PDB file of N, CA and C in Angstrom:
ATOM      1  N   UNK A   1      24.847  12.275 -23.121  1.00  0.00           N
ATOM      2  CA  UNK A   1      24.155  10.990 -23.047  1.00  0.00           C
ATOM      3  C   UNK A   1      23.347  10.775 -24.321  1.00  0.00           C
ATOM      4  N   UNK A   2      23.236   9.517 -24.699  1.00  0.00           N
ATOM      5  CA  UNK A   2      22.420   9.249 -25.874  1.00  0.00           C
ATOM      6  C   UNK A   2      20.944   9.209 -25.487  1.00  0.00           C
ATOM      7  N   UNK A   3      20.069   9.334 -26.445  1.00  0.00           N
ATOM      8  CA  UNK A   3      18.623   9.463 -26.209  1.00  0.00           C
ATOM      9  C   UNK A   3      18.009   8.285 -25.439  1.00  0.00           C
ATOM     10  N   UNK A   4      18.272   7.027 -25.801  1.00  0.00           N
ATOM     11  CA  UNK A   4      17.663   5.925 -25.044  1.00  0.00           C
ATOM     12  C   UNK A   4      18.047   5.937 -23.564  1.00  0.00           C
ATOM     13  N   UNK A   5      19.306   6.274 -23.274  1.00  0.00           N
ATOM     14  CA  UNK A   5      19.735   6.315 -21.887  1.00  0.00           C
ATOM     15  C   UNK A   5      19.035   7.450 -21.142  1.00  0.00           C
ATOM     16  N   UNK A   6      18.880   8.591 -21.777  1.00  0.00           N
ATOM     17  CA  UNK A   6      18.184   9.710 -21.149  1.00  0.00           C
ATOM     18  C   UNK A   6      16.737   9.339 -20.855  1.00  0.00           C
ATOM     19  N   UNK A   7      16.086   8.621 -21.774  1.00  0.00           N
ATOM     20  CA  UNK A   7      14.700   8.203 -21.547  1.00  0.00           C
ATOM     21  C   UNK A   7      14.609   7.240 -20.372  1.00  0.00           C
ATOM     22  N   UNK A   8      15.568   6.340 -20.287  1.00  0.00           N
ATOM     23  CA  UNK A   8      15.573   5.376 -19.194  1.00  0.00           C
ATOM     24  C   UNK A   8      15.742   6.061 -17.846  1.00  0.00           C
ATOM     25  N   UNK A   9      16.573   7.098 -17.805  1.00  0.00           N
ATOM     26  CA  UNK A   9      16.849   7.793 -16.556  1.00  0.00           C
ATOM     27  C   UNK A   9      15.828   8.860 -16.214  1.00  0.00           C
ATOM     28  N   UNK A  10      14.893   9.120 -17.096  1.00  0.00           N
ATOM     29  CA  UNK A  10      13.862  10.124 -16.839  1.00  0.00           C
ATOM     30  C   UNK A  10      13.030   9.680 -15.637  1.00  0.00           C
ATOM     31  N   UNK A  11      12.567  10.622 -14.804  1.00  0.00           N
ATOM     32  CA  UNK A  11      11.808  10.263 -13.602  1.00  0.00           C
ATOM     33  C   UNK A  11      10.612   9.356 -13.876  1.00  0.00           C
ATOM     34  N   UNK A  12       9.907   9.552 -14.965  1.00  0.00           N
ATOM     35  CA  UNK A  12       8.742   8.724 -15.256  1.00  0.00           C
ATOM     36  C   UNK A  12       9.134   7.277 -15.537  1.00  0.00           C
ATOM     37  N   UNK A  13      10.320   7.058 -16.057  1.00  0.00           N
ATOM     38  CA  UNK A  13      10.753   5.710 -16.392  1.00  0.00           C
ATOM     39  C   UNK A  13      11.180   4.924 -15.149  1.00  0.00           C
ATOM     40  N   UNK A  14      11.575   5.633 -14.119  1.00  0.00           N
ATOM     41  CA  UNK A  14      12.011   4.967 -12.896  1.00  0.00           C
ATOM     42  C   UNK A  14      10.816   4.807 -11.960  1.00  0.00           C
ATOM     43  N   UNK A  15      10.090   3.737 -12.154  1.00  0.00           N
ATOM     44  CA  UNK A  15       8.892   3.475 -11.366  1.00  0.00           C
ATOM     45  C   UNK A  15       9.288   3.045  -9.969  1.00  0.00           C
ATOM     46  N   UNK A  16       8.729   3.675  -8.984  1.00  0.00           N
ATOM     47  CA  UNK A  16       8.981   3.277  -7.612  1.00  0.00           C
ATOM     48  C   UNK A  16       7.824   2.411  -7.138  1.00  0.00           C
ATOM     49  N   UNK A  17       8.099   1.568  -6.191  1.00  0.00           N
ATOM     50  CA  UNK A  17       7.063   0.712  -5.641  1.00  0.00           C
ATOM     51  C   UNK A  17       7.107   0.814  -4.129  1.00  0.00           C
ATOM     52  N   UNK A  18       5.964   0.674  -3.530  1.00  0.00           N
ATOM     53  CA  UNK A  18       5.864   0.774  -2.085  1.00  0.00           C
ATOM     54  C   UNK A  18       6.215  -0.530  -1.384  1.00  0.00           C
ATOM     55  N   UNK A  19       6.255  -1.613  -2.140  1.00  0.00           N
ATOM     56  CA  UNK A  19       6.419  -2.935  -1.545  1.00  0.00           C
ATOM     57  C   UNK A  19       7.660  -3.626  -2.075  1.00  0.00           C
ATOM     58  N   UNK A  20       8.293  -4.449  -1.237  1.00  0.00           N
ATOM     59  CA  UNK A  20       9.508  -5.154  -1.672  1.00  0.00           C
ATOM     60  C   UNK A  20       9.205  -6.180  -2.755  1.00  0.00           C
ATOM     61  N   UNK A  21      10.233  -6.633  -3.435  1.00  0.00           N
ATOM     62  CA  UNK A  21      10.082  -7.538  -4.572  1.00  0.00           C
ATOM     63  C   UNK A  21       9.430  -8.868  -4.186  1.00  0.00           C
ATOM     64  N   UNK A  22       9.517  -9.286  -2.936  1.00  0.00           N
ATOM     65  CA  UNK A  22       8.902 -10.545  -2.532  1.00  0.00           C
ATOM     66  C   UNK A  22       7.451 -10.386  -2.062  1.00  0.00           C
ATOM     67  N   UNK A  23       6.911  -9.185  -2.180  1.00  0.00           N
ATOM     68  CA  UNK A  23       5.531  -8.927  -1.782  1.00  0.00           C
ATOM     69  C   UNK A  23       4.573  -9.185  -2.930  1.00  0.00           C
ATOM     70  N   UNK A  24       3.389  -9.672  -2.601  1.00  0.00           N
ATOM     71  CA  UNK A  24       2.373  -9.862  -3.642  1.00  0.00           C
ATOM     72  C   UNK A  24       1.942  -8.532  -4.245  1.00  0.00           C
ATOM     73  N   UNK A  25       2.228  -7.440  -3.571  1.00  0.00           N
ATOM     74  CA  UNK A  25       1.819  -6.124  -4.067  1.00  0.00           C
ATOM     75  C   UNK A  25       2.935  -5.369  -4.792  1.00  0.00           C
ATOM     76  N   UNK A  26       4.106  -6.012  -4.938  1.00  0.00           N
ATOM     77  CA  UNK A  26       5.215  -5.368  -5.646  1.00  0.00           C
ATOM     78  C   UNK A  26       4.775  -5.036  -7.079  1.00  0.00           C
ATOM     79  N   UNK A  27       5.004  -3.821  -7.483  1.00  0.00           N
ATOM     80  CA  UNK A  27       4.681  -3.415  -8.844  1.00  0.00           C
ATOM     81  C   UNK A  27       3.243  -2.956  -9.044  1.00  0.00           C
ATOM     82  N   UNK A  28       2.415  -3.054  -8.001  1.00  0.00           N
ATOM     83  CA  UNK A  28       1.029  -2.577  -8.114  1.00  0.00           C
ATOM     84  C   UNK A  28       1.049  -1.077  -7.885  1.00  0.00           C
ATOM     85  N   UNK A  29       0.419  -0.358  -8.786  1.00  0.00           N
ATOM     86  CA  UNK A  29       0.406   1.094  -8.695  1.00  0.00           C
ATOM     87  C   UNK A  29      -0.487   1.587  -7.558  1.00  0.00           C
ATOM     88  N   UNK A  30      -0.042   2.659  -6.942  1.00  0.00           N
ATOM     89  CA  UNK A  30      -0.860   3.361  -5.963  1.00  0.00           C
ATOM     90  C   UNK A  30      -1.650   4.419  -6.713  1.00  0.00           C
ATOM     91  N   UNK A  31      -2.793   4.765  -6.177  1.00  0.00           N
ATOM     92  CA  UNK A  31      -3.639   5.786  -6.792  1.00  0.00           C
ATOM     93  C   UNK A  31      -4.304   6.597  -5.680  1.00  0.00           C
ATOM     94  N   UNK A  32      -4.918   7.689  -6.057  1.00  0.00           N
ATOM     95  CA  UNK A  32      -5.660   8.497  -5.090  1.00  0.00           C
ATOM     96  C   UNK A  32      -7.051   8.781  -5.629  1.00  0.00           C
ATOM     97  N   UNK A  33      -7.936   9.006  -4.707  1.00  0.00           N
ATOM     98  CA  UNK A  33      -9.319   9.316  -5.033  1.00  0.00           C
ATOM     99  C   UNK A  33      -9.710  10.533  -4.224  1.00  0.00           C
ATOM    100  N   UNK A  34     -10.329  11.482  -4.856  1.00  0.00           N
ATOM    101  CA  UNK A  34     -10.786  12.679  -4.157  1.00  0.00           C
ATOM    102  C   UNK A  34     -12.213  12.423  -3.687  1.00  0.00           C
ATOM    103  N   UNK A  35     -12.429  12.354  -2.384  1.00  0.00           N
ATOM    104  CA  UNK A  35     -13.750  12.109  -1.817  1.00  0.00           C
ATOM    105  C   UNK A  35     -14.605  13.369  -1.939  1.00  0.00           C
ATOM    106  N   UNK A  36     -15.924  13.213  -1.939  1.00  0.00           N
ATOM    107  CA  UNK A  36     -16.812  14.379  -2.048  1.00  0.00           C
ATOM    108  C   UNK A  36     -16.583  15.432  -0.964  1.00  0.00           C
ATOM    109  N   UNK A  37     -16.105  14.999   0.208  1.00  0.00           N
ATOM    110  CA  UNK A  37     -15.861  15.960   1.288  1.00  0.00           C
ATOM    111  C   UNK A  37     -14.481  16.616   1.199  1.00  0.00           C
ATOM    112  N   UNK A  38     -13.735  16.324   0.116  1.00  0.00           N
ATOM    113  CA  UNK A  38     -12.438  16.950  -0.104  1.00  0.00           C
ATOM    114  C   UNK A  38     -11.251  16.134   0.368  1.00  0.00           C
ATOM    115  N   UNK A  39     -11.495  15.051   1.105  1.00  0.00           N
ATOM    116  CA  UNK A  39     -10.393  14.218   1.559  1.00  0.00           C
ATOM    117  C   UNK A  39      -9.769  13.486   0.378  1.00  0.00           C
ATOM    118  N   UNK A  40      -8.475  13.279   0.461  1.00  0.00           N
ATOM    119  CA  UNK A  40      -7.774  12.476  -0.537  1.00  0.00           C
ATOM    120  C   UNK A  40      -7.553  11.092   0.064  1.00  0.00           C
ATOM    121  N   UNK A  41      -8.024  10.078  -0.654  1.00  0.00           N
ATOM    122  CA  UNK A  41      -7.910   8.697  -0.186  1.00  0.00           C
ATOM    123  C   UNK A  41      -6.900   7.988  -1.077  1.00  0.00           C
ATOM    124  N   UNK A  42      -5.848   7.473  -0.454  1.00  0.00           N
ATOM    125  CA  UNK A  42      -4.829   6.722  -1.185  1.00  0.00           C
ATOM    126  C   UNK A  42      -5.184   5.239  -1.124  1.00  0.00           C
ATOM    127  N   UNK A  43      -4.950   4.534  -2.235  1.00  0.00           N
ATOM    128  CA  UNK A  43      -5.232   3.102  -2.281  1.00  0.00           C
ATOM    129  C   UNK A  43      -4.344   2.442  -3.330  1.00  0.00           C
ATOM    130  N   UNK A  44      -4.277   1.120  -3.264  1.00  0.00           N
ATOM    131  CA  UNK A  44      -3.563   0.362  -4.288  1.00  0.00           C
ATOM    132  C   UNK A  44      -4.565  -0.075  -5.336  1.00  0.00           C
ATOM    133  N   UNK A  45      -4.141   0.000  -6.578  1.00  0.00           N
ATOM    134  CA  UNK A  45      -4.995  -0.499  -7.649  1.00  0.00           C
ATOM    135  C   UNK A  45      -5.184  -1.995  -7.485  1.00  0.00           C
ATOM    136  N   UNK A  46      -6.177  -2.522  -8.132  1.00  0.00           N
ATOM    137  CA  UNK A  46      -6.515  -3.934  -8.007  1.00  0.00           C
ATOM    138  C   UNK A  46      -5.377  -4.828  -8.505  1.00  0.00           C
ATOM    139  N   UNK A  47      -5.143  -5.880  -7.774  1.00  0.00           N
ATOM    140  CA  UNK A  47      -4.153  -6.890  -8.166  1.00  0.00           C
ATOM    141  C   UNK A  47      -4.902  -8.046  -8.811  1.00  0.00           C
ATOM    142  N   UNK A  48      -4.568  -8.331 -10.047  1.00  0.00           N
ATOM    143  CA  UNK A  48      -5.176  -9.448 -10.744  1.00  0.00           C
ATOM    144  C   UNK A  48      -4.286 -10.665 -10.569  1.00  0.00           C
ATOM    145  N   UNK A  49      -4.863 -11.724 -10.046  1.00  0.00           N
ATOM    146  CA  UNK A  49      -4.103 -12.953  -9.813  1.00  0.00           C
ATOM    147  C   UNK A  49      -4.006 -13.720 -11.120  1.00  0.00           C
ATOM    148  N   UNK A  50      -2.793 -14.082 -11.525  1.00  0.00           N
ATOM    149  CA  UNK A  50      -2.638 -14.835 -12.773  1.00  0.00           C
ATOM    150  C   UNK A  50      -3.269 -16.225 -12.659  1.00  0.00           C
ATOM    151  N   UNK A  51      -3.604 -16.783 -13.801  1.00  0.00           N
ATOM    152  CA  UNK A  51      -4.144 -18.145 -13.832  1.00  0.00           C
ATOM    153  C   UNK A  51      -3.069 -19.103 -13.314  1.00  0.00           C
ATOM    154  N   UNK A  52      -3.443 -20.066 -12.471  1.00  0.00           N
ATOM    155  CA  UNK A  52      -2.453 -21.008 -11.931  1.00  0.00           C
ATOM    156  C   UNK A  52      -1.662 -21.748 -13.003  1.00  0.00           C
ATOM    157  N   UNK A  53      -2.242 -21.938 -14.146  1.00  0.00           N
ATOM    158  CA  UNK A  53      -1.552 -22.637 -15.235  1.00  0.00           C
ATOM    159  C   UNK A  53      -0.345 -21.850 -15.765  1.00  0.00           C
ATOM    160  N   UNK A  54      -0.255 -20.582 -15.415  1.00  0.00           N
ATOM    161  CA  UNK A  54       0.853 -19.753 -15.870  1.00  0.00           C
ATOM    162  C   UNK A  54       2.099 -19.907 -14.989  1.00  0.00           C
ATOM    163  N   UNK A  55       1.961 -20.661 -13.887  1.00  0.00           N
ATOM    164  CA  UNK A  55       3.080 -20.892 -12.981  1.00  0.00           C
ATOM    165  C   UNK A  55       3.705 -22.249 -13.287  1.00  0.00           C
ATOM    166  N   UNK A  56       5.020 -22.301 -13.321  1.00  0.00           N
ATOM    167  CA  UNK A  56       5.718 -23.572 -13.532  1.00  0.00           C
ATOM    168  C   UNK A  56       5.677 -24.387 -12.242  1.00  0.00           C
ATOM    169  N   UNK A  57       5.178 -25.604 -12.331  1.00  0.00           N
ATOM    170  CA  UNK A  57       5.048 -26.482 -11.179  1.00  0.00           C
ATOM    171  C   UNK A  57       6.414 -27.018 -10.751  1.00  0.00           C
ATOM    172  N   UNK A  58       6.728 -26.865  -9.477  1.00  0.00           N
ATOM    173  CA  UNK A  58       7.946 -27.452  -8.913  1.00  0.00           C
ATOM    174  C   UNK A  58       7.629 -28.839  -8.379  1.00  0.00           C
ATOM    175  N   UNK A  59       6.577 -28.910  -7.583  1.00  0.00           N
ATOM    176  CA  UNK A  59       6.140 -30.172  -7.009  1.00  0.00           C
ATOM    177  C   UNK A  59       4.790 -29.963  -6.340  1.00  0.00           C
ATOM    178  N   UNK A  60       4.243 -31.044  -5.807  1.00  0.00           N
ATOM    179  CA  UNK A  60       3.007 -30.962  -5.056  1.00  0.00           C
ATOM    180  C   UNK A  60       3.301 -31.272  -3.598  1.00  0.00           C
ATOM    181  N   UNK A  61       2.502 -30.671  -2.739  1.00  0.00           N
ATOM    182  CA  UNK A  61       2.589 -30.928  -1.302  1.00  0.00           C
ATOM    183  C   UNK A  61       1.269 -31.549  -0.880  1.00  0.00           C
ATOM    184  N   UNK A  62       1.332 -32.656  -0.169  1.00  0.00           N
ATOM    185  CA  UNK A  62       0.125 -33.288   0.351  1.00  0.00           C
ATOM    186  C   UNK A  62      -0.109 -32.776   1.767  1.00  0.00           C
ATOM    187  N   UNK A  63      -1.277 -32.182   1.973  1.00  0.00           N
ATOM    188  CA  UNK A  63      -1.629 -31.595   3.266  1.00  0.00           C
ATOM    189  C   UNK A  63      -1.786 -32.703   4.310  1.00  0.00           C
ATOM    190  N   UNK A  64      -1.207 -32.465   5.480  1.00  0.00           N
ATOM    191  CA  UNK A  64      -1.392 -33.354   6.624  1.00  0.00           C
ATOM    192  C   UNK A  64      -2.052 -32.548   7.744  1.00  0.00           C
ATOM    193  N   UNK A  65      -2.650 -33.270   8.689  1.00  0.00           N
ATOM    194  CA  UNK A  65      -3.301 -32.615   9.823  1.00  0.00           C
ATOM    195  C   UNK A  65      -2.329 -31.655  10.500  1.00  0.00           C
ATOM    196  N   UNK A  66      -2.768 -30.430  10.757  1.00  0.00           N
ATOM    197  CA  UNK A  66      -1.949 -29.441  11.439  1.00  0.00           C
ATOM    198  C   UNK A  66      -1.088 -28.576  10.525  1.00  0.00           C
ATOM    199  N   UNK A  67      -1.098 -28.858   9.212  1.00  0.00           N
ATOM    200  CA  UNK A  67      -0.332 -28.019   8.279  1.00  0.00           C
ATOM    201  C   UNK A  67      -0.826 -26.578   8.327  1.00  0.00           C
ATOM    202  N   UNK A  68       0.123 -25.650   8.173  1.00  0.00           N
ATOM    203  CA  UNK A  68      -0.199 -24.221   8.050  1.00  0.00           C
ATOM    204  C   UNK A  68       0.531 -23.689   6.833  1.00  0.00           C
ATOM    205  N   UNK A  69      -0.108 -22.753   6.143  1.00  0.00           N
ATOM    206  CA  UNK A  69       0.489 -22.204   4.925  1.00  0.00           C
ATOM    207  C   UNK A  69       1.835 -21.540   5.168  1.00  0.00           C
ATOM    208  N   UNK A  70       1.982 -20.843   6.284  1.00  0.00           N
ATOM    209  CA  UNK A  70       3.268 -20.187   6.537  1.00  0.00           C
ATOM    210  C   UNK A  70       4.380 -21.217   6.699  1.00  0.00           C
ATOM    211  N   UNK A  71       4.085 -22.324   7.350  1.00  0.00           N
ATOM    212  CA  UNK A  71       5.105 -23.369   7.508  1.00  0.00           C
ATOM    213  C   UNK A  71       5.410 -24.057   6.187  1.00  0.00           C
ATOM    214  N   UNK A  72       4.386 -24.269   5.365  1.00  0.00           N
ATOM    215  CA  UNK A  72       4.604 -24.869   4.050  1.00  0.00           C
ATOM    216  C   UNK A  72       5.463 -23.941   3.195  1.00  0.00           C
ATOM    217  N   UNK A  73       5.163 -22.638   3.222  1.00  0.00           N
ATOM    218  CA  UNK A  73       5.950 -21.664   2.458  1.00  0.00           C
ATOM    219  C   UNK A  73       7.397 -21.630   2.946  1.00  0.00           C
ATOM    220  N   UNK A  74       7.589 -21.684   4.243  1.00  0.00           N
ATOM    221  CA  UNK A  74       8.959 -21.693   4.788  1.00  0.00           C
ATOM    222  C   UNK A  74       9.709 -22.937   4.317  1.00  0.00           C
ATOM    223  N   UNK A  75       9.018 -24.056   4.272  1.00  0.00           N
ATOM    224  CA  UNK A  75       9.661 -25.307   3.847  1.00  0.00           C
ATOM    225  C   UNK A  75      10.111 -25.256   2.392  1.00  0.00           C
ATOM    226  N   UNK A  76       9.242 -24.782   1.499  1.00  0.00           N
ATOM    227  CA  UNK A  76       9.541 -24.816   0.068  1.00  0.00           C
ATOM    228  C   UNK A  76      10.229 -23.566  -0.462  1.00  0.00           C
ATOM    229  N   UNK A  77       9.943 -22.418   0.154  1.00  0.00           N
ATOM    230  CA  UNK A  77      10.489 -21.153  -0.363  1.00  0.00           C
ATOM    231  C   UNK A  77      11.515 -20.526   0.571  1.00  0.00           C
ATOM    232  N   UNK A  78      11.627 -21.054   1.795  1.00  0.00           N
ATOM    233  CA  UNK A  78      12.548 -20.479   2.758  1.00  0.00           C
ATOM    234  C   UNK A  78      12.058 -19.188   3.369  1.00  0.00           C
ATOM    235  N   UNK A  79      10.772 -18.882   3.205  1.00  0.00           N
ATOM    236  CA  UNK A  79      10.217 -17.616   3.697  1.00  0.00           C
ATOM    237  C   UNK A  79       8.724 -17.809   3.982  1.00  0.00           C
ATOM    238  N   UNK A  80       8.308 -17.778   5.251  1.00  0.00           N
ATOM    239  CA  UNK A  80       6.902 -17.986   5.568  1.00  0.00           C
ATOM    240  C   UNK A  80       5.971 -16.913   5.000  1.00  0.00           C
ATOM    241  N   UNK A  81       6.514 -15.736   4.713  1.00  0.00           N
ATOM    242  CA  UNK A  81       5.682 -14.668   4.166  1.00  0.00           C
ATOM    243  C   UNK A  81       5.341 -14.877   2.696  1.00  0.00           C
ATOM    244  N   UNK A  82       5.895 -15.913   2.093  1.00  0.00           N
ATOM    245  CA  UNK A  82       5.598 -16.234   0.691  1.00  0.00           C
ATOM    246  C   UNK A  82       4.381 -17.143   0.559  1.00  0.00           C
ATOM    247  N   UNK A  83       3.602 -17.321   1.636  1.00  0.00           N
ATOM    248  CA  UNK A  83       2.414 -18.165   1.605  1.00  0.00           C
ATOM    249  C   UNK A  83       1.462 -17.769   0.484  1.00  0.00           C
ATOM    250  N   UNK A  84       1.450 -16.502   0.121  1.00  0.00           N
ATOM    251  CA  UNK A  84       0.545 -16.003  -0.920  1.00  0.00           C
ATOM    252  C   UNK A  84       0.835 -16.651  -2.269  1.00  0.00           C
ATOM    253  N   UNK A  85       2.076 -17.084  -2.482  1.00  0.00           N
ATOM    254  CA  UNK A  85       2.395 -17.773  -3.745  1.00  0.00           C
ATOM    255  C   UNK A  85       1.659 -19.109  -3.825  1.00  0.00           C
ATOM    256  N   UNK A  86       1.529 -19.785  -2.701  1.00  0.00           N
ATOM    257  CA  UNK A  86       0.775 -21.042  -2.672  1.00  0.00           C
ATOM    258  C   UNK A  86      -0.703 -20.746  -2.922  1.00  0.00           C
ATOM    259  N   UNK A  87      -1.195 -19.667  -2.348  1.00  0.00           N
ATOM    260  CA  UNK A  87      -2.590 -19.267  -2.578  1.00  0.00           C
ATOM    261  C   UNK A  87      -2.837 -18.995  -4.062  1.00  0.00           C
ATOM    262  N   UNK A  88      -1.960 -18.219  -4.684  1.00  0.00           N
ATOM    263  CA  UNK A  88      -2.108 -17.894  -6.107  1.00  0.00           C
ATOM    264  C   UNK A  88      -2.061 -19.154  -6.966  1.00  0.00           C
ATOM    265  N   UNK A  89      -1.127 -20.042  -6.668  1.00  0.00           N
ATOM    266  CA  UNK A  89      -0.935 -21.248  -7.481  1.00  0.00           C
ATOM    267  C   UNK A  89      -2.088 -22.237  -7.342  1.00  0.00           C
ATOM    268  N   UNK A  90      -2.900 -22.069  -6.287  1.00  0.00           N
ATOM    269  CA  UNK A  90      -3.996 -23.000  -6.035  1.00  0.00           C
ATOM    270  C   UNK A  90      -5.363 -22.323  -6.072  1.00  0.00           C
ATOM    271  N   UNK A  91      -5.395 -21.122  -6.637  1.00  0.00           N
ATOM    272  CA  UNK A  91      -6.642 -20.385  -6.832  1.00  0.00           C
ATOM    273  C   UNK A  91      -7.453 -20.242  -5.533  1.00  0.00           C
ATOM    274  N   UNK A  92      -6.763 -19.911  -4.457  1.00  0.00           N
ATOM    275  CA  UNK A  92      -7.416 -19.817  -3.150  1.00  0.00           C
ATOM    276  C   UNK A  92      -8.099 -18.480  -2.951  1.00  0.00           C
ATOM    277  N   UNK A  93      -9.353 -18.527  -2.619  1.00  0.00           N
ATOM    278  CA  UNK A  93     -10.092 -17.326  -2.221  1.00  0.00           C
ATOM    279  C   UNK A  93      -9.948 -17.153  -0.707  1.00  0.00           C
ATOM    280  N   UNK A  94     -10.029 -18.252   0.016  1.00  0.00           N
ATOM    281  CA  UNK A  94      -9.861 -18.266   1.464  1.00  0.00           C
ATOM    282  C   UNK A  94      -8.639 -19.139   1.785  1.00  0.00           C
ATOM    283  N   UNK A  95      -7.503 -18.528   2.043  1.00  0.00           N
ATOM    284  CA  UNK A  95      -6.263 -19.290   2.247  1.00  0.00           C
ATOM    285  C   UNK A  95      -6.368 -20.410   3.274  1.00  0.00           C
ATOM    286  N   UNK A  96      -7.104 -20.176   4.352  1.00  0.00           N
ATOM    287  CA  UNK A  96      -7.197 -21.192   5.406  1.00  0.00           C
ATOM    288  C   UNK A  96      -7.817 -22.493   4.910  1.00  0.00           C
ATOM    289  N   UNK A  97      -8.613 -22.419   3.840  1.00  0.00           N
ATOM    290  CA  UNK A  97      -9.240 -23.628   3.307  1.00  0.00           C
ATOM    291  C   UNK A  97      -8.231 -24.557   2.620  1.00  0.00           C
ATOM    292  N   UNK A  98      -7.077 -24.035   2.236  1.00  0.00           N
ATOM    293  CA  UNK A  98      -6.083 -24.865   1.561  1.00  0.00           C
ATOM    294  C   UNK A  98      -5.549 -25.980   2.461  1.00  0.00           C
ATOM    295  N   UNK A  99      -5.550 -25.742   3.761  1.00  0.00           N
ATOM    296  CA  UNK A  99      -5.005 -26.747   4.679  1.00  0.00           C
ATOM    297  C   UNK A  99      -6.081 -27.411   5.542  1.00  0.00           C
ATOM    298  N   UNK A 100      -7.346 -27.165   5.241  1.00  0.00           N
ATOM    299  CA  UNK A 100      -8.447 -27.753   6.022  1.00  0.00           C
ATOM    300  C   UNK A 100      -8.601 -29.258   5.827  1.00  0.00           C
ATOM    301  N   UNK A 101      -8.255 -29.757   4.647  1.00  0.00           N
ATOM    302  CA  UNK A 101      -8.520 -31.158   4.322  1.00  0.00           C
ATOM    303  C   UNK A 101      -7.222 -31.935   4.147  1.00  0.00           C
ATOM    304  N   UNK A 102      -6.888 -32.794   5.128  1.00  0.00           N
ATOM    305  CA  UNK A 102      -5.712 -33.647   4.956  1.00  0.00           C
ATOM    306  C   UNK A 102      -5.845 -34.490   3.683  1.00  0.00           C
ATOM    307  N   UNK A 103      -4.735 -34.637   2.985  1.00  0.00           N
ATOM    308  CA  UNK A 103      -4.725 -35.386   1.729  1.00  0.00           C
ATOM    309  C   UNK A 103      -4.840 -34.504   0.501  1.00  0.00           C
ATOM    310  N   UNK A 104      -5.259 -33.259   0.690  1.00  0.00           N
ATOM    311  CA  UNK A 104      -5.354 -32.340  -0.448  1.00  0.00           C
ATOM    312  C   UNK A 104      -3.961 -32.095  -1.023  1.00  0.00           C
ATOM    313  N   UNK A 105      -3.872 -32.009  -2.332  1.00  0.00           N
ATOM    314  CA  UNK A 105      -2.607 -31.729  -3.017  1.00  0.00           C
ATOM    315  C   UNK A 105      -2.530 -30.231  -3.312  1.00  0.00           C
ATOM    316  N   UNK A 106      -1.438 -29.618  -2.886  1.00  0.00           N
ATOM    317  CA  UNK A 106      -1.198 -28.200  -3.164  1.00  0.00           C
ATOM    318  C   UNK A 106      -0.089 -28.074  -4.185  1.00  0.00           C
ATOM    319  N   UNK A 107      -0.311 -27.202  -5.158  1.00  0.00           N
ATOM    320  CA  UNK A 107       0.711 -26.923  -6.167  1.00  0.00           C
ATOM    321  C   UNK A 107       1.754 -25.981  -5.560  1.00  0.00           C
ATOM    322  N   UNK A 108       3.003 -26.370  -5.648  1.00  0.00           N
ATOM    323  CA  UNK A 108       4.129 -25.532  -5.234  1.00  0.00           C
ATOM    324  C   UNK A 108       4.812 -25.131  -6.539  1.00  0.00           C
ATOM    325  N   UNK A 109       4.819 -23.828  -6.820  1.00  0.00           N
ATOM    326  CA  UNK A 109       5.254 -23.366  -8.135  1.00  0.00           C
ATOM    327  C   UNK A 109       6.337 -22.295  -8.047  1.00  0.00           C
ATOM    328  N   UNK A 110       6.939 -22.064  -9.191  1.00  0.00           N
ATOM    329  CA  UNK A 110       7.833 -20.918  -9.354  1.00  0.00           C
ATOM    330  C   UNK A 110       6.963 -19.673  -9.520  1.00  0.00           C
ATOM    331  N   UNK A 111       7.501 -18.495  -9.278  1.00  0.00           N
ATOM    332  CA  UNK A 111       6.733 -17.272  -9.524  1.00  0.00           C
ATOM    333  C   UNK A 111       6.362 -17.159 -11.009  1.00  0.00           C
ATOM    334  N   UNK A 112       5.328 -16.419 -11.290  1.00  0.00           N
ATOM    335  CA  UNK A 112       4.892 -16.220 -12.672  1.00  0.00           C
ATOM    336  C   UNK A 112       6.039 -15.652 -13.504  1.00  0.00           C
ATOM    337  N   UNK A 113       6.166 -16.176 -14.696  1.00  0.00           N
ATOM    338  CA  UNK A 113       7.157 -15.672 -15.633  1.00  0.00           C
ATOM    339  C   UNK A 113       8.513 -16.350 -15.544  1.00  0.00           C
ATOM    340  N   UNK A 114       8.713 -17.187 -14.548  1.00  0.00           N
ATOM    341  CA  UNK A 114       9.981 -17.904 -14.430  1.00  0.00           C
ATOM    342  C   UNK A 114       9.763 -19.304 -14.995  1.00  0.00           C
ATOM    343  N   UNK A 115      10.452 -19.635 -16.081  1.00  0.00           N
ATOM    344  CA  UNK A 115      10.243 -20.946 -16.684  1.00  0.00           C
ATOM    345  C   UNK A 115      10.800 -22.057 -15.818  1.00  0.00           C
ATOM    346  N   UNK A 116      10.200 -23.211 -15.948  1.00  0.00           N
ATOM    347  CA  UNK A 116      10.662 -24.367 -15.188  1.00  0.00           C
ATOM    348  C   UNK A 116      10.004 -25.613 -15.728  1.00  0.00           C
ATOM    349  N   UNK A 117      10.100 -26.655 -14.981  1.00  0.00           N
ATOM    350  CA  UNK A 117       9.476 -27.918 -15.382  1.00  0.00           C
ATOM    351  C   UNK A 117       7.972 -27.740 -15.436  1.00  0.00           C
ATOM    352  N   UNK A 118       7.354 -28.241 -16.501  1.00  0.00           N
ATOM    353  CA  UNK A 118       5.907 -28.131 -16.613  1.00  0.00           C
ATOM    354  C   UNK A 118       5.196 -29.318 -16.003  1.00  0.00           C
ATOM    355  N   UNK A 119       5.887 -30.429 -15.825  1.00  0.00           N
ATOM    356  CA  UNK A 119       5.293 -31.609 -15.197  1.00  0.00           C
ATOM    357  C   UNK A 119       6.252 -32.143 -14.142  1.00  0.00           C
ATOM    358  N   UNK A 120       6.107 -31.628 -12.935  1.00  0.00           N
ATOM    359  CA  UNK A 120       7.001 -32.073 -11.853  1.00  0.00           C
ATOM    360  C   UNK A 120       6.461 -33.345 -11.229  1.00  0.00           C
TER     361      UNK A 120
END
């Protein structure tokens, strides 16, 4: 085998992830902490949410009475578990607040790094 291929196949190069590709935690490293009492505590490193401007806008959704994020995600992404993408695209700290006010416009975007229309 040539050197670049050997490096690619080396165990360190093959990063494993605990979460599927459609999870908000995909690609986030796990870490451990040794507690003073000797216990080992496993945790995920912090996930930094990208700036909403880094997502390509597909369209906007106008909230109506009774809207829920899981239903909105199912409508636009075909998967209710993708609600977190709407949260990220709209800088939501409390997801439930995104649908509290009828008439609010929600950004429906492509995932970060996927180019698309900048003005939908």
